[in-house]
Amino acid sequence: MPESDQSAETTTAYAANQAWWNEITEPHSASGMYDMAAFKAGRNRFMHQYILDEVGDVDGKSLLHLQCHFGQDTISWARLGATVTGVDFGGEAVKLARTLADEEGVDATFIHSNIYDIGDRFDKQFDVVFTSYGVLAWLHDLPEWGRIVGRAVKPGGVFYIAEFHPGGEMLQHDRPIATKEDTSIGMPYFDPGGAQSLPGEEGADYASDHKTGIDTFEWFHSMEDIIMPLIDAGLVIELFKERDWCAYRSHEGMIVDDQNRWHLPPDCPKVPFMFSIRARKPAN
């Protein structure tokens, strides 16, 4: 990002996060969650059918995937007929994405860039702009994110996001959730201000047992913080869904069903863990 657009604290946070993602790329690629063998055997990466249903048919369409990691989802969209471009700030992830695309014989473009800089890299518009699962916490400036998304969508095209709901992120992480008494609030809903540090040695990450020792930094966003930048960018929200299950075991004590959806135990109150939004840019 241009230096004028961020504080020294934010610059430091992004450097640490980038180092973490670079180190975690290889463990992720070897993990059961990403199941590289199945992916190479032809299984598309999408964990849940609703994403495909809500995005719709991408055959023959151009698609920009923001924060694409090492490209399994991006390549999966290409397998479904889209002309794809993936963007990620992790250099190791982009290298692996390009290798995967070559090995799979998929025509895909991968750009190594912080998404805040892509306006300086190309001025292209897409039928679909897509992002999903664990992306927004790594971004400090959602109004600018909304402007970038709005600029990248073609008139008549759509932006789609499937993401973890800030409501579910509020639940305490100090102990397993077994009863309704365990569903207490541990984090504020509204932005506490600035980047929140997560120590690198406090447990494994979402996909592997690898501990990098690198402290990472995240930003908290309310649903208002997420939705309003899209509206301000001129997009029209035509779908908004909330789900009472999580795409991974975000809290100890959760129970998985036969569709790989993680739920709180039955006597716990239902809280939103996931949401999805599809927003369209007016054709005129």
Protein backbone atom coordinates (compact mmCIF):
# COMPACT_ATOMS: atom_id res chain seq x y z
CA MET A 1 0.00 0.00 0.00
CA PRO A 2 1.15 3.56 -0.57
CA GLU A 3 2.90 4.77 2.58
CA SER A 4 0.57 7.74 2.97
CA ASP A 5 -2.44 5.46 3.27
CA GLN A 6 -1.44 3.74 6.52
CA SER A 7 0.21 4.30 9.88
CA ALA A 8 3.53 2.86 10.95
CA GLU A 9 1.57 0.45 13.18
CA THR A 10 -0.44 -0.79 10.20
CA THR A 11 2.67 -1.16 8.06
CA THR A 12 4.25 -3.29 10.79
CA ALA A 13 1.09 -5.38 11.12
CA TYR A 14 0.95 -6.12 7.39
CA ALA A 15 4.63 -7.08 7.30
CA ALA A 16 4.10 -9.56 10.14
CA ASN A 17 0.95 -10.99 8.55
CA GLN A 18 2.69 -11.38 5.21
CA ALA A 19 5.57 -13.25 6.88
CA TRP A 20 3.08 -15.53 8.65
CA TRP A 21 1.19 -16.35 5.44
CA ASN A 22 4.43 -17.01 3.59
CA GLU A 23 5.53 -19.50 6.24
CA ILE A 24 2.16 -21.19 6.59
CA THR A 25 1.64 -21.78 2.85
CA GLU A 26 3.55 -25.06 2.71
CA PRO A 27 1.91 -26.53 5.87
CA HIS A 28 -1.48 -25.55 4.49
CA SER A 29 -0.77 -27.18 1.15
CA ALA A 30 0.10 -30.42 2.97
CA SER A 31 -2.91 -30.31 5.32
CA GLY A 32 -6.01 -32.45 5.31
CA MET A 33 -8.22 -29.38 5.07
CA TYR A 34 -6.80 -28.46 1.67
CA ASP A 35 -6.40 -32.15 0.65
CA MET A 36 -4.09 -31.55 -2.29
CA ALA A 37 -4.34 -35.13 -3.55
CA ALA A 38 -8.12 -34.90 -3.92
CA PHE A 39 -7.84 -31.47 -5.51
CA LYS A 40 -5.36 -32.76 -8.10
CA ALA A 41 -7.68 -35.69 -8.73
CA GLY A 42 -10.33 -33.22 -9.84
CA ARG A 43 -12.29 -32.31 -6.72
CA ASN A 44 -13.12 -28.62 -6.69
CA ARG A 45 -12.12 -26.79 -3.56
CA PHE A 46 -15.48 -25.32 -2.54
CA MET A 47 -16.38 -26.61 0.90
CA HIS A 48 -20.12 -25.92 0.70
CA GLN A 49 -22.60 -26.03 -2.17
CA TYR A 50 -24.33 -22.79 -1.24
CA ILE A 51 -21.40 -20.77 -2.59
CA LEU A 52 -21.83 -22.25 -6.06
CA ASP A 53 -25.59 -21.78 -5.87
CA GLU A 54 -25.36 -18.14 -4.80
CA VAL A 55 -22.60 -17.09 -7.20
CA GLY A 56 -24.35 -18.84 -10.08
CA ASP A 57 -23.03 -20.03 -13.41
CA VAL A 58 -19.55 -18.64 -14.18
CA ASP A 59 -19.00 -20.40 -17.50
CA GLY A 60 -17.59 -17.91 -19.99
CA LYS A 61 -17.32 -15.14 -17.39
CA SER A 62 -14.29 -13.25 -16.12
CA LEU A 63 -13.67 -13.64 -12.39
CA LEU A 64 -11.37 -11.83 -9.98
CA HIS A 65 -10.57 -13.69 -6.76
CA LEU A 66 -9.31 -11.39 -4.00
CA GLN A 67 -7.08 -12.85 -1.25
CA CYS A 68 -6.86 -16.16 -3.07
CA HIS A 69 -4.10 -17.82 -0.95
CA PHE A 70 -2.51 -20.56 -3.10
CA GLY A 71 -5.27 -20.69 -5.63
CA GLN A 72 -7.33 -23.83 -5.10
CA ASP A 73 -10.62 -21.90 -5.18
CA THR A 74 -9.41 -19.78 -8.09
CA ILE A 75 -8.48 -22.84 -10.13
CA SER A 76 -11.80 -24.45 -9.17
CA TRP A 77 -13.64 -21.49 -10.71
CA ALA A 78 -11.54 -21.95 -13.85
CA ARG A 79 -12.55 -25.61 -13.98
CA LEU A 80 -16.15 -24.39 -14.01
CA GLY A 81 -15.47 -22.28 -17.09
CA ALA A 82 -14.44 -18.88 -15.72
CA THR A 83 -11.46 -16.86 -16.94
CA VAL A 84 -9.76 -16.27 -13.61
CA THR A 85 -7.37 -13.82 -11.97
CA GLY A 86 -6.25 -14.37 -8.37
CA VAL A 87 -4.63 -11.77 -6.12
CA ASP A 88 -2.77 -12.43 -2.88
CA PHE A 89 -0.09 -10.62 -0.86
CA GLY A 90 1.68 -13.90 0.02
CA GLY A 91 4.57 -14.40 -2.36
CA GLU A 92 4.91 -18.09 -1.49
CA ALA A 93 1.18 -18.61 -2.02
CA VAL A 94 1.26 -16.96 -5.45
CA LYS A 95 4.26 -19.08 -6.50
CA LEU A 96 2.41 -22.25 -5.48
CA ALA A 97 -0.80 -21.06 -7.20
CA ARG A 98 1.06 -20.56 -10.48
CA THR A 99 2.68 -24.00 -10.16
CA LEU A 100 -0.68 -25.63 -9.43
CA ALA A 101 -2.32 -23.96 -12.42
CA ASP A 102 0.49 -25.15 -14.69
CA GLU A 103 0.31 -28.71 -13.33
CA GLU A 104 -3.47 -28.80 -13.74
CA GLY A 105 -3.34 -27.32 -17.24
CA VAL A 106 -5.51 -24.38 -16.17
CA ASP A 107 -5.18 -20.96 -17.74
CA ALA A 108 -5.09 -18.66 -14.69
CA THR A 109 -3.42 -15.37 -13.87
CA PHE A 110 -2.04 -14.84 -10.35
CA ILE A 111 -0.90 -11.44 -9.13
CA HIS A 112 1.36 -10.96 -6.10
CA SER A 113 -0.04 -7.82 -4.50
CA ASN A 114 -1.74 -6.42 -1.47
CA ILE A 115 -5.28 -5.81 -2.71
CA TYR A 116 -4.99 -2.14 -1.78
CA ASP A 117 -2.34 -1.85 -4.50
CA ILE A 118 -4.11 -3.60 -7.36
CA GLY A 119 -5.47 -0.34 -8.74
CA ASP A 120 -1.87 0.51 -9.52
CA ARG A 121 -1.32 -2.89 -11.20
CA PHE A 122 -4.24 -3.05 -13.61
CA ASP A 123 -7.43 -1.23 -14.40
CA LYS A 124 -9.58 -4.16 -15.43
CA GLN A 125 -13.20 -5.00 -14.70
CA PHE A 126 -14.74 -8.43 -14.15
CA ASP A 127 -18.12 -10.14 -14.42
CA VAL A 128 -17.60 -11.60 -10.94
CA VAL A 129 -15.43 -10.42 -8.06
CA PHE A 130 -15.19 -13.15 -5.41
CA THR A 131 -13.69 -13.53 -1.94
CA SER A 132 -14.33 -15.98 0.87
CA TYR A 133 -13.65 -17.41 4.31
CA GLY A 134 -11.35 -15.53 6.63
CA VAL A 135 -10.43 -12.54 4.49
CA LEU A 136 -11.79 -9.38 6.09
CA ALA A 137 -10.00 -9.67 9.44
CA TRP A 138 -6.72 -9.13 7.56
CA LEU A 139 -7.88 -5.79 6.11
CA HIS A 140 -7.62 -2.52 8.02
CA ASP A 141 -9.61 -0.20 5.73
CA LEU A 142 -12.99 -1.50 4.54
CA PRO A 143 -14.16 1.77 2.97
CA GLU A 144 -11.17 1.57 0.61
CA TRP A 145 -11.81 -2.16 0.14
CA GLY A 146 -15.36 -1.30 -0.95
CA ARG A 147 -14.07 1.24 -3.47
CA ILE A 148 -11.63 -1.32 -4.89
CA VAL A 149 -14.41 -3.92 -5.21
CA GLY A 150 -16.78 -1.43 -6.81
CA ARG A 151 -14.15 -0.36 -9.33
CA ALA A 152 -13.35 -3.97 -10.26
CA VAL A 153 -16.93 -5.09 -10.99
CA LYS A 154 -18.22 -4.57 -14.51
CA PRO A 155 -21.54 -2.79 -14.95
CA GLY A 156 -24.11 -5.55 -14.58
CA GLY A 157 -21.57 -7.77 -12.78
CA VAL A 158 -21.57 -9.03 -9.20
CA PHE A 159 -19.44 -9.04 -6.09
CA TYR A 160 -19.80 -12.08 -3.83
CA ILE A 161 -18.41 -12.76 -0.36
CA ALA A 162 -18.86 -15.75 1.97
CA GLU A 163 -17.30 -14.95 5.33
CA PHE A 164 -17.26 -15.53 9.07
CA HIS A 165 -19.91 -13.49 10.86
CA PRO A 166 -18.70 -10.98 13.47
CA GLY A 167 -21.45 -12.24 15.80
CA GLY A 168 -19.83 -15.66 16.07
CA GLU A 169 -16.41 -14.08 16.49
CA MET A 170 -17.61 -12.52 19.77
CA LEU A 171 -17.90 -15.84 21.65
CA GLN A 172 -15.31 -16.58 24.31
CA HIS A 173 -12.35 -18.82 23.44
CA ASP A 174 -11.11 -19.48 26.98
CA ARG A 175 -12.87 -22.82 27.43
CA PRO A 176 -14.80 -25.36 25.33
CA ILE A 177 -18.44 -24.56 24.60
CA ALA A 178 -20.53 -27.38 26.06
CA THR A 179 -23.58 -25.61 27.51
CA LYS A 180 -25.42 -22.32 27.03
CA GLU A 181 -23.47 -20.89 29.98
CA ASP A 182 -20.31 -21.26 27.89
CA THR A 183 -21.66 -19.01 25.13
CA SER A 184 -20.57 -15.84 26.87
CA ILE A 185 -19.13 -12.83 25.09
CA GLY A 186 -15.35 -12.68 24.91
CA MET A 187 -14.79 -10.02 22.27
CA PRO A 188 -16.51 -6.72 21.49
CA TYR A 189 -18.81 -6.47 18.50
CA PHE A 190 -17.72 -2.98 17.55
CA ASP A 191 -14.13 -2.26 16.50
CA PRO A 192 -12.03 -1.83 19.66
CA GLY A 193 -9.65 0.33 17.64
CA GLY A 194 -6.49 -0.61 15.77
CA ALA A 195 -4.96 -3.97 14.99
CA GLN A 196 -5.38 -6.73 17.58
CA SER A 197 -2.27 -8.86 18.12
CA LEU A 198 -2.51 -12.66 18.14
CA PRO A 199 0.60 -14.34 19.63
CA GLY A 200 2.23 -16.76 17.23
CA GLU A 201 2.77 -19.52 19.78
CA GLU A 202 -0.80 -19.68 21.07
CA GLY A 203 -2.02 -22.84 19.40
CA ALA A 204 -2.18 -24.03 15.82
CA ASP A 205 -3.85 -22.23 12.95
CA TYR A 206 -7.12 -23.27 11.31
CA ALA A 207 -5.67 -25.85 8.90
CA SER A 208 -2.47 -27.28 10.38
CA ASP A 209 -0.54 -27.96 13.56
CA HIS A 210 2.33 -25.77 12.44
CA LYS A 211 3.28 -22.94 14.80
CA THR A 212 5.22 -20.16 13.14
CA GLY A 213 6.12 -18.18 16.24
CA ILE A 214 5.13 -15.06 14.27
CA ASP A 215 2.65 -12.72 15.92
CA THR A 216 -0.20 -11.79 13.59
CA PHE A 217 -2.60 -8.85 13.60
CA GLU A 218 -6.30 -8.69 12.81
CA TRP A 219 -8.95 -6.00 12.59
CA PHE A 220 -12.53 -6.44 13.82
CA HIS A 221 -15.43 -5.29 11.63
CA SER A 222 -19.17 -5.13 12.31
CA MET A 223 -21.74 -6.01 9.66
CA GLU A 224 -22.28 -2.29 9.15
CA ASP A 225 -18.56 -1.89 8.51
CA ILE A 226 -18.81 -4.59 5.83
CA ILE A 227 -22.08 -3.69 4.12
CA MET A 228 -21.90 0.10 3.96
CA PRO A 229 -18.67 0.27 1.87
CA LEU A 230 -20.36 -1.88 -0.77
CA ILE A 231 -23.41 0.37 -0.84
CA ASP A 232 -21.22 3.48 -0.88
CA ALA A 233 -19.38 2.01 -3.88
CA GLY A 234 -22.65 1.97 -5.81
CA LEU A 235 -23.36 -1.77 -5.52
CA VAL A 236 -26.89 -3.00 -4.91
CA ILE A 237 -27.20 -5.83 -2.39
CA GLU A 238 -29.48 -8.50 -3.80
CA LEU A 239 -28.69 -11.36 -1.40
CA PHE A 240 -27.73 -11.45 2.28
CA LYS A 241 -27.73 -14.72 4.24
CA GLU A 242 -26.72 -15.60 7.80
CA ARG A 243 -25.95 -19.15 8.95
CA ASP A 244 -25.86 -20.68 12.42
CA TRP A 245 -22.93 -22.99 11.63
CA CYS A 246 -19.25 -22.48 10.93
CA ALA A 247 -17.09 -23.73 8.07
CA TYR A 248 -14.48 -25.04 10.53
CA ARG A 249 -14.25 -25.78 14.26
CA SER A 250 -13.90 -22.20 15.41
CA HIS A 251 -14.56 -23.13 19.06
CA GLU A 252 -13.78 -26.24 21.07
CA GLY A 253 -16.91 -28.23 21.78
CA MET A 254 -18.49 -27.71 18.36
CA ILE A 255 -20.05 -30.71 16.61
CA VAL A 256 -19.67 -31.42 12.89
CA ASP A 257 -22.53 -32.68 10.72
CA ASP A 258 -22.45 -34.81 7.56
CA GLN A 259 -22.05 -31.70 5.38
CA ASN A 260 -18.87 -30.54 7.12
CA ARG A 261 -20.68 -27.78 9.01
CA TRP A 262 -19.72 -27.11 12.63
CA HIS A 263 -22.50 -26.39 15.14
CA LEU A 264 -22.69 -25.48 18.81
CA PRO A 265 -24.08 -28.24 21.07
CA PRO A 266 -27.89 -28.60 20.91
CA ASP A 267 -28.71 -26.81 24.18
CA CYS A 268 -26.71 -23.71 23.23
CA PRO A 269 -28.41 -20.67 21.71
CA LYS A 270 -28.01 -20.31 17.97
CA VAL A 271 -25.66 -17.52 16.93
CA PRO A 272 -24.59 -16.45 13.42
CA PHE A 273 -21.24 -17.91 12.41
CA MET A 274 -21.30 -17.31 8.66
CA PHE A 275 -22.78 -14.81 6.24
CA SER A 276 -22.84 -14.30 2.49
CA ILE A 277 -23.55 -11.27 0.34
CA ARG A 278 -24.11 -10.90 -3.39
CA ALA A 279 -24.13 -7.33 -4.64
CA ARG A 280 -24.64 -6.18 -8.21
CA LYS A 281 -23.31 -3.15 -10.03
CA PRO A 282 -26.10 -1.45 -11.99
CA ALA A 283 -25.79 -1.93 -15.71
CA ASN A 284 -26.24 1.78 -16.41
